[in-house]
Structure formats: C-alpha cells, structure tokens
C-alpha cells in the first residue's frame, strides 16, 4: 500500500492519496460459510 501510494503521489503530484483496501467484513464466525456480499472497502489516506 505504501509503494502504490508513493507511485500515485509521484504520478499525480498530489500530496494526499486515498487507496481503497477491501476487507472481507465477516466479523462474526457464523458468517464464514455464507454466500453473500460482505466485503467492505476501507479508504486509506496517505499524506
């Protein structure tokens, strides 16, 4: 994530870069065997 943020910073010349990091979102053991839309995107900001 740090490498890609650095790449985007140098390419865009912007000092604030947000990258979405998917998180599986199955925050309870009973959700593990299900088919469903659980994944959540965490927007990570790098300055």
ModelCIF file with pLDDT and N, C-alpha, C, O atoms, coordinates in Angstrom:
data_MODEL
#
_entry.id   MODEL 
#
_entity.id                         1 
_entity.type                       polymer 
_entity.pdbx_number_of_molecules   1 
#
_entity_poly.entity_id                      1 
_entity_poly.type                           'polypeptide(L)' 
_entity_poly.nstd_linkage                   no 
_entity_poly.nstd_monomer                   no 
_entity_poly.pdbx_seq_one_letter_code       
;(UNK)(UNK)(UNK)(UNK)(UNK)(UNK)(UNK)(UNK)(UNK)(UNK)(UNK)(UNK)(UNK)(UNK)(UNK)(UNK)
(UNK)(UNK)(UNK)(UNK)(UNK)(UNK)(UNK)(UNK)(UNK)(UNK)(UNK)(UNK)(UNK)(UNK)(UNK)(UNK)
(UNK)(UNK)(UNK)(UNK)(UNK)(UNK)(UNK)(UNK)(UNK)(UNK)(UNK)(UNK)(UNK)(UNK)(UNK)
;
_entity_poly.pdbx_seq_one_letter_code_can   XXXXXXXXXXXXXXXXXXXXXXXXXXXXXXXXXXXXXXXXXXXXXXX 
_entity_poly.pdbx_strand_id                 A 
#
loop_
_entity_poly_seq.entity_id 
_entity_poly_seq.num 
_entity_poly_seq.mon_id 
_entity_poly_seq.hetero 
1 1  UNK n 
1 2  UNK n 
1 3  UNK n 
1 4  UNK n 
1 5  UNK n 
1 6  UNK n 
1 7  UNK n 
1 8  UNK n 
1 9  UNK n 
1 10 UNK n 
1 11 UNK n 
1 12 UNK n 
1 13 UNK n 
1 14 UNK n 
1 15 UNK n 
1 16 UNK n 
1 17 UNK n 
1 18 UNK n 
1 19 UNK n 
1 20 UNK n 
1 21 UNK n 
1 22 UNK n 
1 23 UNK n 
1 24 UNK n 
1 25 UNK n 
1 26 UNK n 
1 27 UNK n 
1 28 UNK n 
1 29 UNK n 
1 30 UNK n 
1 31 UNK n 
1 32 UNK n 
1 33 UNK n 
1 34 UNK n 
1 35 UNK n 
1 36 UNK n 
1 37 UNK n 
1 38 UNK n 
1 39 UNK n 
1 40 UNK n 
1 41 UNK n 
1 42 UNK n 
1 43 UNK n 
1 44 UNK n 
1 45 UNK n 
1 46 UNK n 
1 47 UNK n 
#
_struct_asym.id          A 
_struct_asym.entity_id   1 
#
loop_
_ma_qa_metric.id 
_ma_qa_metric.mode 
_ma_qa_metric.name 
_ma_qa_metric.software_group_id 
_ma_qa_metric.type 
1 global pLDDT . pLDDT 
2 local  pLDDT . pLDDT 
#
_ma_qa_metric_global.metric_id      1 
_ma_qa_metric_global.metric_value   95.43 
_ma_qa_metric_global.model_id       1 
_ma_qa_metric_global.ordinal_id     1 
#
loop_
_ma_qa_metric_local.label_asym_id 
_ma_qa_metric_local.label_comp_id 
_ma_qa_metric_local.label_seq_id 
_ma_qa_metric_local.metric_id 
_ma_qa_metric_local.metric_value 
_ma_qa_metric_local.model_id 
_ma_qa_metric_local.ordinal_id 
A UNK 1  2 98.00 1 1  
A UNK 2  2 98.00 1 2  
A UNK 3  2 97.00 1 3  
A UNK 4  2 97.00 1 4  
A UNK 5  2 97.00 1 5  
A UNK 6  2 97.00 1 6  
A UNK 7  2 96.00 1 7  
A UNK 8  2 96.00 1 8  
A UNK 9  2 96.00 1 9  
A UNK 10 2 95.00 1 10 
A UNK 11 2 95.00 1 11 
A UNK 12 2 96.00 1 12 
A UNK 13 2 95.00 1 13 
A UNK 14 2 96.00 1 14 
A UNK 15 2 96.00 1 15 
A UNK 16 2 96.00 1 16 
A UNK 17 2 97.00 1 17 
A UNK 18 2 97.00 1 18 
A UNK 19 2 98.00 1 19 
A UNK 20 2 97.00 1 20 
A UNK 21 2 96.00 1 21 
A UNK 22 2 94.00 1 22 
A UNK 23 2 92.00 1 23 
A UNK 24 2 90.00 1 24 
A UNK 25 2 90.00 1 25 
A UNK 26 2 92.00 1 26 
A UNK 27 2 86.00 1 27 
A UNK 28 2 92.00 1 28 
A UNK 29 2 93.00 1 29 
A UNK 30 2 95.00 1 30 
A UNK 31 2 96.00 1 31 
A UNK 32 2 95.00 1 32 
A UNK 33 2 96.00 1 33 
A UNK 34 2 97.00 1 34 
A UNK 35 2 97.00 1 35 
A UNK 36 2 97.00 1 36 
A UNK 37 2 97.00 1 37 
A UNK 38 2 96.00 1 38 
A UNK 39 2 93.00 1 39 
A UNK 40 2 95.00 1 40 
A UNK 41 2 95.00 1 41 
A UNK 42 2 97.00 1 42 
A UNK 43 2 97.00 1 43 
A UNK 44 2 97.00 1 44 
A UNK 45 2 97.00 1 45 
A UNK 46 2 97.00 1 46 
A UNK 47 2 96.00 1 47 
#
loop_
_atom_site.group_PDB 
_atom_site.id 
_atom_site.type_symbol 
_atom_site.label_atom_id 
_atom_site.label_alt_id 
_atom_site.label_comp_id 
_atom_site.label_asym_id 
_atom_site.label_entity_id 
_atom_site.label_seq_id 
_atom_site.pdbx_PDB_ins_code 
_atom_site.Cartn_x 
_atom_site.Cartn_y 
_atom_site.Cartn_z 
_atom_site.occupancy 
_atom_site.B_iso_or_equiv 
_atom_site.pdbx_formal_charge 
_atom_site.auth_seq_id 
_atom_site.auth_comp_id 
_atom_site.auth_asym_id 
_atom_site.auth_atom_id 
_atom_site.pdbx_PDB_model_num 
ATOM 1   N N  . UNK A 1 1  ? 0.831   -1.200  0.000   1.00 98.00 ? 1  UNK A N  1 
ATOM 2   C CA . UNK A 1 1  ? 0.000   0.000   0.000   1.00 98.00 ? 1  UNK A CA 1 
ATOM 3   C C  . UNK A 1 1  ? 0.869   1.255   0.000   1.00 98.00 ? 1  UNK A C  1 
ATOM 4   O O  . UNK A 1 1  ? 0.570   2.220   -0.703  1.00 98.00 ? 1  UNK A O  1 
ATOM 5   N N  . UNK A 1 2  ? 1.949   1.241   0.791   1.00 98.00 ? 2  UNK A N  1 
ATOM 6   C CA . UNK A 1 2  ? 2.872   2.381   0.813   1.00 98.00 ? 2  UNK A CA 1 
ATOM 7   C C  . UNK A 1 2  ? 3.527   2.577   -0.553  1.00 98.00 ? 2  UNK A C  1 
ATOM 8   O O  . UNK A 1 2  ? 3.672   3.705   -1.023  1.00 98.00 ? 2  UNK A O  1 
ATOM 9   N N  . UNK A 1 3  ? 3.921   1.473   -1.187  1.00 97.00 ? 3  UNK A N  1 
ATOM 10  C CA . UNK A 1 3  ? 4.546   1.564   -2.514  1.00 97.00 ? 3  UNK A CA 1 
ATOM 11  C C  . UNK A 1 3  ? 3.591   2.151   -3.545  1.00 97.00 ? 3  UNK A C  1 
ATOM 12  O O  . UNK A 1 3  ? 3.970   3.041   -4.306  1.00 97.00 ? 3  UNK A O  1 
ATOM 13  N N  . UNK A 1 4  ? 2.356   1.660   -3.577  1.00 97.00 ? 4  UNK A N  1 
ATOM 14  C CA . UNK A 1 4  ? 1.391   2.147   -4.564  1.00 97.00 ? 4  UNK A CA 1 
ATOM 15  C C  . UNK A 1 4  ? 1.034   3.607   -4.273  1.00 97.00 ? 4  UNK A C  1 
ATOM 16  O O  . UNK A 1 4  ? 0.888   4.401   -5.203  1.00 97.00 ? 4  UNK A O  1 
ATOM 17  N N  . UNK A 1 5  ? 0.893   3.969   -2.993  1.00 97.00 ? 5  UNK A N  1 
ATOM 18  C CA . UNK A 1 5  ? 0.620   5.367   -2.648  1.00 97.00 ? 5  UNK A CA 1 
ATOM 19  C C  . UNK A 1 5  ? 1.751   6.274   -3.135  1.00 97.00 ? 5  UNK A C  1 
ATOM 20  O O  . UNK A 1 5  ? 1.501   7.357   -3.664  1.00 97.00 ? 5  UNK A O  1 
ATOM 21  N N  . UNK A 1 6  ? 2.987   5.829   -2.954  1.00 97.00 ? 6  UNK A N  1 
ATOM 22  C CA . UNK A 1 6  ? 4.138   6.609   -3.419  1.00 97.00 ? 6  UNK A CA 1 
ATOM 23  C C  . UNK A 1 6  ? 4.112   6.749   -4.939  1.00 97.00 ? 6  UNK A C  1 
ATOM 24  O O  . UNK A 1 6  ? 4.381   7.826   -5.470  1.00 97.00 ? 6  UNK A O  1 
ATOM 25  N N  . UNK A 1 7  ? 3.795   5.681   -5.626  1.00 96.00 ? 7  UNK A N  1 
ATOM 26  C CA . UNK A 1 7  ? 3.702   5.714   -7.081  1.00 96.00 ? 7  UNK A CA 1 
ATOM 27  C C  . UNK A 1 7  ? 2.637   6.716   -7.538  1.00 96.00 ? 7  UNK A C  1 
ATOM 28  O O  . UNK A 1 7  ? 2.866   7.504   -8.456  1.00 96.00 ? 7  UNK A O  1 
ATOM 29  N N  . UNK A 1 8  ? 1.478   6.676   -6.889  1.00 96.00 ? 8  UNK A N  1 
ATOM 30  C CA . UNK A 1 8  ? 0.393   7.586   -7.258  1.00 96.00 ? 8  UNK A CA 1 
ATOM 31  C C  . UNK A 1 8  ? 0.739   9.030   -6.924  1.00 96.00 ? 8  UNK A C  1 
ATOM 32  O O  . UNK A 1 8  ? 0.391   9.942   -7.674  1.00 96.00 ? 8  UNK A O  1 
ATOM 33  N N  . UNK A 1 9  ? 1.421   9.246   -5.806  1.00 96.00 ? 9  UNK A N  1 
ATOM 34  C CA . UNK A 1 9  ? 1.860   10.593  -5.408  1.00 96.00 ? 9  UNK A CA 1 
ATOM 35  C C  . UNK A 1 9  ? 2.802   11.181  -6.456  1.00 96.00 ? 9  UNK A C  1 
ATOM 36  O O  . UNK A 1 9  ? 2.650   12.335  -6.858  1.00 96.00 ? 9  UNK A O  1 
ATOM 37  N N  . UNK A 1 10 ? 3.766   10.391  -6.892  1.00 95.00 ? 10 UNK A N  1 
ATOM 38  C CA . UNK A 1 10 ? 4.729   10.888  -7.875  1.00 95.00 ? 10 UNK A CA 1 
ATOM 39  C C  . UNK A 1 10 ? 4.083   11.078  -9.246  1.00 95.00 ? 10 UNK A C  1 
ATOM 40  O O  . UNK A 1 10 ? 4.456   11.979  -9.997  1.00 95.00 ? 10 UNK A O  1 
ATOM 41  N N  . UNK A 1 11 ? 3.118   10.229  -9.563  1.00 95.00 ? 11 UNK A N  1 
ATOM 42  C CA . UNK A 1 11 ? 2.473   10.324  -10.870 1.00 95.00 ? 11 UNK A CA 1 
ATOM 43  C C  . UNK A 1 11 ? 1.499   11.486  -10.935 1.00 95.00 ? 11 UNK A C  1 
ATOM 44  O O  . UNK A 1 11 ? 1.421   12.179  -11.949 1.00 95.00 ? 11 UNK A O  1 
ATOM 45  N N  . UNK A 1 12 ? 0.754   11.703  -9.854  1.00 96.00 ? 12 UNK A N  1 
ATOM 46  C CA . UNK A 1 12 ? -0.281  12.746  -9.840  1.00 96.00 ? 12 UNK A CA 1 
ATOM 47  C C  . UNK A 1 12 ? 0.224   14.084  -9.324  1.00 96.00 ? 12 UNK A C  1 
ATOM 48  O O  . UNK A 1 12 ? -0.400  15.116  -9.570  1.00 96.00 ? 12 UNK A O  1 
ATOM 49  N N  . UNK A 1 13 ? 1.366   14.080  -8.597  1.00 95.00 ? 13 UNK A N  1 
ATOM 50  C CA . UNK A 1 13 ? 1.886   15.280  -7.931  1.00 95.00 ? 13 UNK A CA 1 
ATOM 51  C C  . UNK A 1 13 ? 0.920   15.802  -6.865  1.00 95.00 ? 13 UNK A C  1 
ATOM 52  O O  . UNK A 1 13 ? 0.916   16.993  -6.554  1.00 95.00 ? 13 UNK A O  1 
ATOM 53  N N  . UNK A 1 14 ? 0.100   14.902  -6.307  1.00 96.00 ? 14 UNK A N  1 
ATOM 54  C CA . UNK A 1 14 ? -0.810  15.268  -5.227  1.00 96.00 ? 14 UNK A CA 1 
ATOM 55  C C  . UNK A 1 14 ? -0.272  14.726  -3.910  1.00 96.00 ? 14 UNK A C  1 
ATOM 56  O O  . UNK A 1 14 ? 0.285   13.629  -3.854  1.00 96.00 ? 14 UNK A O  1 
ATOM 57  N N  . UNK A 1 15 ? -0.447  15.518  -2.844  1.00 96.00 ? 15 UNK A N  1 
ATOM 58  C CA . UNK A 1 15 ? 0.136   15.172  -1.548  1.00 96.00 ? 15 UNK A CA 1 
ATOM 59  C C  . UNK A 1 15 ? -0.801  14.348  -0.667  1.00 96.00 ? 15 UNK A C  1 
ATOM 60  O O  . UNK A 1 15 ? -0.402  13.893  0.405   1.00 96.00 ? 15 UNK A O  1 
ATOM 61  N N  . UNK A 1 16 ? -2.033  14.154  -1.108  1.00 96.00 ? 16 UNK A N  1 
ATOM 62  C CA . UNK A 1 16 ? -2.980  13.322  -0.377  1.00 96.00 ? 16 UNK A CA 1 
ATOM 63  C C  . UNK A 1 16 ? -3.529  12.267  -1.329  1.00 96.00 ? 16 UNK A C  1 
ATOM 64  O O  . UNK A 1 16 ? -4.127  12.588  -2.356  1.00 96.00 ? 16 UNK A O  1 
ATOM 65  N N  . UNK A 1 17 ? -3.320  11.022  -0.978  1.00 97.00 ? 17 UNK A N  1 
ATOM 66  C CA . UNK A 1 17 ? -3.708  9.905   -1.838  1.00 97.00 ? 17 UNK A CA 1 
ATOM 67  C C  . UNK A 1 17 ? -4.584  8.950   -1.027  1.00 97.00 ? 17 UNK A C  1 
ATOM 68  O O  . UNK A 1 17 ? -4.211  8.532   0.069   1.00 97.00 ? 17 UNK A O  1 
ATOM 69  N N  . UNK A 1 18 ? -5.747  8.611   -1.576  1.00 97.00 ? 18 UNK A N  1 
ATOM 70  C CA . UNK A 1 18 ? -6.625  7.618   -0.941  1.00 97.00 ? 18 UNK A CA 1 
ATOM 71  C C  . UNK A 1 18 ? -6.663  6.370   -1.812  1.00 97.00 ? 18 UNK A C  1 
ATOM 72  O O  . UNK A 1 18 ? -6.908  6.448   -3.016  1.00 97.00 ? 18 UNK A O  1 
ATOM 73  N N  . UNK A 1 19 ? -6.417  5.215   -1.191  1.00 98.00 ? 19 UNK A N  1 
ATOM 74  C CA . UNK A 1 19 ? -6.484  3.924   -1.874  1.00 98.00 ? 19 UNK A CA 1 
ATOM 75  C C  . UNK A 1 19 ? -7.493  3.055   -1.136  1.00 98.00 ? 19 UNK A C  1 
ATOM 76  O O  . UNK A 1 19 ? -7.461  2.956   0.090   1.00 98.00 ? 19 UNK A O  1 
ATOM 77  N N  . UNK A 1 20 ? -8.372  2.438   -1.878  1.00 97.00 ? 20 UNK A N  1 
ATOM 78  C CA . UNK A 1 20 ? -9.346  1.536   -1.276  1.00 97.00 ? 20 UNK A CA 1 
ATOM 79  C C  . UNK A 1 20 ? -8.731  0.166   -1.017  1.00 97.00 ? 20 UNK A C  1 
ATOM 80  O O  . UNK A 1 20 ? -8.115  -0.425  -1.903  1.00 97.00 ? 20 UNK A O  1 
ATOM 81  N N  . UNK A 1 21 ? -8.902  -0.325  0.188   1.00 96.00 ? 21 UNK A N  1 
ATOM 82  C CA . UNK A 1 21 ? -8.414  -1.655  0.563   1.00 96.00 ? 21 UNK A CA 1 
ATOM 83  C C  . UNK A 1 21 ? -9.619  -2.514  0.950   1.00 96.00 ? 21 UNK A C  1 
ATOM 84  O O  . UNK A 1 21 ? -10.267 -2.237  1.959   1.00 96.00 ? 21 UNK A O  1 
ATOM 85  N N  . UNK A 1 22 ? -9.930  -3.547  0.170   1.00 94.00 ? 22 UNK A N  1 
ATOM 86  C CA . UNK A 1 22 ? -11.070 -4.403  0.515   1.00 94.00 ? 22 UNK A CA 1 
ATOM 87  C C  . UNK A 1 22 ? -10.805 -5.177  1.809   1.00 94.00 ? 22 UNK A C  1 
ATOM 88  O O  . UNK A 1 22 ? -9.704  -5.682  2.027   1.00 94.00 ? 22 UNK A O  1 
ATOM 89  N N  . UNK A 1 23 ? -11.815 -5.261  2.650   1.00 92.00 ? 23 UNK A N  1 
ATOM 90  C CA . UNK A 1 23 ? -11.758 -6.016  3.900   1.00 92.00 ? 23 UNK A CA 1 
ATOM 91  C C  . UNK A 1 23 ? -12.923 -6.986  3.887   1.00 92.00 ? 23 UNK A C  1 
ATOM 92  O O  . UNK A 1 23 ? -14.050 -6.598  3.578   1.00 92.00 ? 23 UNK A O  1 
ATOM 93  N N  . UNK A 1 24 ? -12.665 -8.254  4.222   1.00 90.00 ? 24 UNK A N  1 
ATOM 94  C CA . UNK A 1 24 ? -13.673 -9.288  3.986   1.00 90.00 ? 24 UNK A CA 1 
ATOM 95  C C  . UNK A 1 24 ? -14.980 -9.063  4.737   1.00 90.00 ? 24 UNK A C  1 
ATOM 96  O O  . UNK A 1 24 ? -16.028 -9.525  4.286   1.00 90.00 ? 24 UNK A O  1 
ATOM 97  N N  . UNK A 1 25 ? -14.946 -8.372  5.861   1.00 90.00 ? 25 UNK A N  1 
ATOM 98  C CA . UNK A 1 25 ? -16.176 -7.953  6.511   1.00 90.00 ? 25 UNK A CA 1 
ATOM 99  C C  . UNK A 1 25 ? -16.968 -9.043  7.207   1.00 90.00 ? 25 UNK A C  1 
ATOM 100 O O  . UNK A 1 25 ? -18.094 -8.799  7.640   1.00 90.00 ? 25 UNK A O  1 
ATOM 101 N N  . UNK A 1 26 ? -16.410 -10.242 7.326   1.00 92.00 ? 26 UNK A N  1 
ATOM 102 C CA . UNK A 1 26 ? -17.129 -11.335 8.001   1.00 92.00 ? 26 UNK A CA 1 
ATOM 103 C C  . UNK A 1 26 ? -16.719 -11.315 9.479   1.00 92.00 ? 26 UNK A C  1 
ATOM 104 O O  . UNK A 1 26 ? -15.960 -12.159 9.955   1.00 92.00 ? 26 UNK A O  1 
ATOM 105 N N  . UNK A 1 27 ? -17.252 -10.325 10.170  1.00 86.00 ? 27 UNK A N  1 
ATOM 106 C CA . UNK A 1 27 ? -16.818 -10.042 11.533  1.00 86.00 ? 27 UNK A CA 1 
ATOM 107 C C  . UNK A 1 27 ? -17.619 -10.806 12.586  1.00 86.00 ? 27 UNK A C  1 
ATOM 108 O O  . UNK A 1 27 ? -17.838 -10.319 13.696  1.00 86.00 ? 27 UNK A O  1 
ATOM 109 N N  . UNK A 1 28 ? -18.040 -11.982 12.223  1.00 92.00 ? 28 UNK A N  1 
ATOM 110 C CA . UNK A 1 28 ? -18.686 -12.908 13.155  1.00 92.00 ? 28 UNK A CA 1 
ATOM 111 C C  . UNK A 1 28 ? -18.457 -14.315 12.598  1.00 92.00 ? 28 UNK A C  1 
ATOM 112 O O  . UNK A 1 28 ? -18.613 -14.522 11.395  1.00 92.00 ? 28 UNK A O  1 
ATOM 113 N N  . UNK A 1 29 ? -18.091 -15.292 13.445  1.00 93.00 ? 29 UNK A N  1 
ATOM 114 C CA . UNK A 1 29 ? -17.765 -16.627 12.927  1.00 93.00 ? 29 UNK A CA 1 
ATOM 115 C C  . UNK A 1 29 ? -18.907 -17.295 12.169  1.00 93.00 ? 29 UNK A C  1 
ATOM 116 O O  . UNK A 1 29 ? -18.658 -18.130 11.300  1.00 93.00 ? 29 UNK A O  1 
ATOM 117 N N  . UNK A 1 30 ? -20.156 -16.944 12.480  1.00 95.00 ? 30 UNK A N  1 
ATOM 118 C CA . UNK A 1 30 ? -21.288 -17.572 11.795  1.00 95.00 ? 30 UNK A CA 1 
ATOM 119 C C  . UNK A 1 30 ? -21.425 -17.120 10.342  1.00 95.00 ? 30 UNK A C  1 
ATOM 120 O O  . UNK A 1 30 ? -22.194 -17.713 9.585   1.00 95.00 ? 30 UNK A O  1 
ATOM 121 N N  . UNK A 1 31 ? -20.683 -16.069 9.938   1.00 96.00 ? 31 UNK A N  1 
ATOM 122 C CA . UNK A 1 31 ? -20.800 -15.558 8.569   1.00 96.00 ? 31 UNK A CA 1 
ATOM 123 C C  . UNK A 1 31 ? -19.849 -16.252 7.604   1.00 96.00 ? 31 UNK A C  1 
ATOM 124 O O  . UNK A 1 31 ? -19.997 -16.116 6.390   1.00 96.00 ? 31 UNK A O  1 
ATOM 125 N N  . UNK A 1 32 ? -18.879 -16.992 8.124   1.00 95.00 ? 32 UNK A N  1 
ATOM 126 C CA . UNK A 1 32 ? -17.841 -17.577 7.266   1.00 95.00 ? 32 UNK A CA 1 
ATOM 127 C C  . UNK A 1 32 ? -18.385 -18.538 6.208   1.00 95.00 ? 32 UNK A C  1 
ATOM 128 O O  . UNK A 1 32 ? -17.861 -18.528 5.094   1.00 95.00 ? 32 UNK A O  1 
ATOM 129 N N  . UNK A 1 33 ? -19.408 -19.375 6.478   1.00 96.00 ? 33 UNK A N  1 
ATOM 130 C CA . UNK A 1 33 ? -19.849 -20.340 5.457   1.00 96.00 ? 33 UNK A CA 1 
ATOM 131 C C  . UNK A 1 33 ? -20.941 -19.826 4.527   1.00 96.00 ? 33 UNK A C  1 
ATOM 132 O O  . UNK A 1 33 ? -21.561 -20.626 3.825   1.00 96.00 ? 33 UNK A O  1 
ATOM 133 N N  . UNK A 1 34 ? -21.199 -18.518 4.495   1.00 97.00 ? 34 UNK A N  1 
ATOM 134 C CA . UNK A 1 34 ? -22.301 -17.980 3.700   1.00 97.00 ? 34 UNK A CA 1 
ATOM 135 C C  . UNK A 1 34 ? -21.818 -17.455 2.351   1.00 97.00 ? 34 UNK A C  1 
ATOM 136 O O  . UNK A 1 34 ? -20.696 -16.961 2.231   1.00 97.00 ? 34 UNK A O  1 
ATOM 137 N N  . UNK A 1 35 ? -22.673 -17.567 1.340   1.00 97.00 ? 35 UNK A N  1 
ATOM 138 C CA . UNK A 1 35 ? -22.508 -16.820 0.096   1.00 97.00 ? 35 UNK A CA 1 
ATOM 139 C C  . UNK A 1 35 ? -23.268 -15.508 0.272   1.00 97.00 ? 35 UNK A C  1 
ATOM 140 O O  . UNK A 1 35 ? -24.469 -15.506 0.544   1.00 97.00 ? 35 UNK A O  1 
ATOM 141 N N  . UNK A 1 36 ? -22.561 -14.404 0.114   1.00 97.00 ? 36 UNK A N  1 
ATOM 142 C CA . UNK A 1 36 ? -23.195 -13.101 0.294   1.00 97.00 ? 36 UNK A CA 1 
ATOM 143 C C  . UNK A 1 36 ? -22.201 -11.978 0.056   1.00 97.00 ? 36 UNK A C  1 
ATOM 144 O O  . UNK A 1 36 ? -21.005 -12.221 -0.106  1.00 97.00 ? 36 UNK A O  1 
ATOM 145 N N  . UNK A 1 37 ? -22.692 -10.762 0.036   1.00 97.00 ? 37 UNK A N  1 
ATOM 146 C CA . UNK A 1 37 ? -21.891 -9.569  -0.235  1.00 97.00 ? 37 UNK A CA 1 
ATOM 147 C C  . UNK A 1 37 ? -21.489 -8.951  1.106   1.00 97.00 ? 37 UNK A C  1 
ATOM 148 O O  . UNK A 1 37 ? -22.202 -8.108  1.652   1.00 97.00 ? 37 UNK A O  1 
ATOM 149 N N  . UNK A 1 38 ? -20.340 -9.383  1.626   1.00 96.00 ? 38 UNK A N  1 
ATOM 150 C CA . UNK A 1 38 ? -19.856 -8.906  2.918   1.00 96.00 ? 38 UNK A CA 1 
ATOM 151 C C  . UNK A 1 38 ? -18.680 -7.934  2.782   1.00 96.00 ? 38 UNK A C  1 
ATOM 152 O O  . UNK A 1 38 ? -18.451 -7.115  3.672   1.00 96.00 ? 38 UNK A O  1 
ATOM 153 N N  . UNK A 1 39 ? -17.945 -8.017  1.690   1.00 93.00 ? 39 UNK A N  1 
ATOM 154 C CA . UNK A 1 39 ? -16.691 -7.289  1.580   1.00 93.00 ? 39 UNK A CA 1 
ATOM 155 C C  . UNK A 1 39 ? -16.942 -5.779  1.684   1.00 93.00 ? 39 UNK A C  1 
ATOM 156 O O  . UNK A 1 39 ? -17.905 -5.253  1.126   1.00 93.00 ? 39 UNK A O  1 
ATOM 157 N N  . UNK A 1 40 ? -16.057 -5.105  2.404   1.00 95.00 ? 40 UNK A N  1 
ATOM 158 C CA . UNK A 1 40 ? -16.175 -3.669  2.632   1.00 95.00 ? 40 UNK A CA 1 
ATOM 159 C C  . UNK A 1 40 ? -14.888 -2.992  2.186   1.00 95.00 ? 40 UNK A C  1 
ATOM 160 O O  . UNK A 1 40 ? -13.800 -3.536  2.378   1.00 95.00 ? 40 UNK A O  1 
ATOM 161 N N  . UNK A 1 41 ? -15.002 -1.823  1.600   1.00 95.00 ? 41 UNK A N  1 
ATOM 162 C CA . UNK A 1 41 ? -13.828 -1.078  1.157   1.00 95.00 ? 41 UNK A CA 1 
ATOM 163 C C  . UNK A 1 41 ? -13.439 -0.066  2.221   1.00 95.00 ? 41 UNK A C  1 
ATOM 164 O O  . UNK A 1 41 ? -14.248 0.777   2.609   1.00 95.00 ? 41 UNK A O  1 
ATOM 165 N N  . UNK A 1 42 ? -12.196 -0.148  2.694   1.00 97.00 ? 42 UNK A N  1 
ATOM 166 C CA . UNK A 1 42 ? -11.667 0.816   3.652   1.00 97.00 ? 42 UNK A CA 1 
ATOM 167 C C  . UNK A 1 42 ? -10.820 1.839   2.897   1.00 97.00 ? 42 UNK A C  1 
ATOM 168 O O  . UNK A 1 42 ? -9.812  1.468   2.295   1.00 97.00 ? 42 UNK A O  1 
ATOM 169 N N  . UNK A 1 43 ? -11.205 3.121   2.914   1.00 97.00 ? 43 UNK A N  1 
ATOM 170 C CA . UNK A 1 43 ? -10.423 4.145   2.213   1.00 97.00 ? 43 UNK A CA 1 
ATOM 171 C C  . UNK A 1 43 ? -9.241  4.604   3.075   1.00 97.00 ? 43 UNK A C  1 
ATOM 172 O O  . UNK A 1 43 ? -9.428  5.300   4.073   1.00 97.00 ? 43 UNK A O  1 
ATOM 173 N N  . UNK A 1 44 ? -8.032  4.212   2.684   1.00 97.00 ? 44 UNK A N  1 
ATOM 174 C CA . UNK A 1 44 ? -6.826  4.511   3.467   1.00 97.00 ? 44 UNK A CA 1 
ATOM 175 C C  . UNK A 1 44 ? -6.157  5.751   2.878   1.00 97.00 ? 44 UNK A C  1 
ATOM 176 O O  . UNK A 1 44 ? -5.747  5.748   1.717   1.00 97.00 ? 44 UNK A O  1 
ATOM 177 N N  . UNK A 1 45 ? -6.049  6.798   3.672   1.00 97.00 ? 45 UNK A N  1 
ATOM 178 C CA . UNK A 1 45 ? -5.459  8.067   3.229   1.00 97.00 ? 45 UNK A CA 1 
ATOM 179 C C  . UNK A 1 45 ? -3.984  8.125   3.619   1.00 97.00 ? 45 UNK A C  1 
ATOM 180 O O  . UNK A 1 45 ? -3.614  7.838   4.758   1.00 97.00 ? 45 UNK A O  1 
ATOM 181 N N  . UNK A 1 46 ? -3.155  8.502   2.652   1.00 97.00 ? 46 UNK A N  1 
ATOM 182 C CA . UNK A 1 46 ? -1.725  8.683   2.908   1.00 97.00 ? 46 UNK A CA 1 
ATOM 183 C C  . UNK A 1 46 ? -1.356  10.125  2.592   1.00 97.00 ? 46 UNK A C  1 
ATOM 184 O O  . UNK A 1 46 ? -1.690  10.648  1.529   1.00 97.00 ? 46 UNK A O  1 
ATOM 185 N N  . UNK A 1 47 ? -0.662  10.756  3.533   1.00 96.00 ? 47 UNK A N  1 
ATOM 186 C CA . UNK A 1 47 ? -0.253  12.156  3.383   1.00 96.00 ? 47 UNK A CA 1 
ATOM 187 C C  . UNK A 1 47 ? 1.247   12.222  3.113   1.00 96.00 ? 47 UNK A C  1 
ATOM 188 O O  . UNK A 1 47 ? 1.798   13.311  2.954   1.00 96.00 ? 47 UNK A O  1 
#
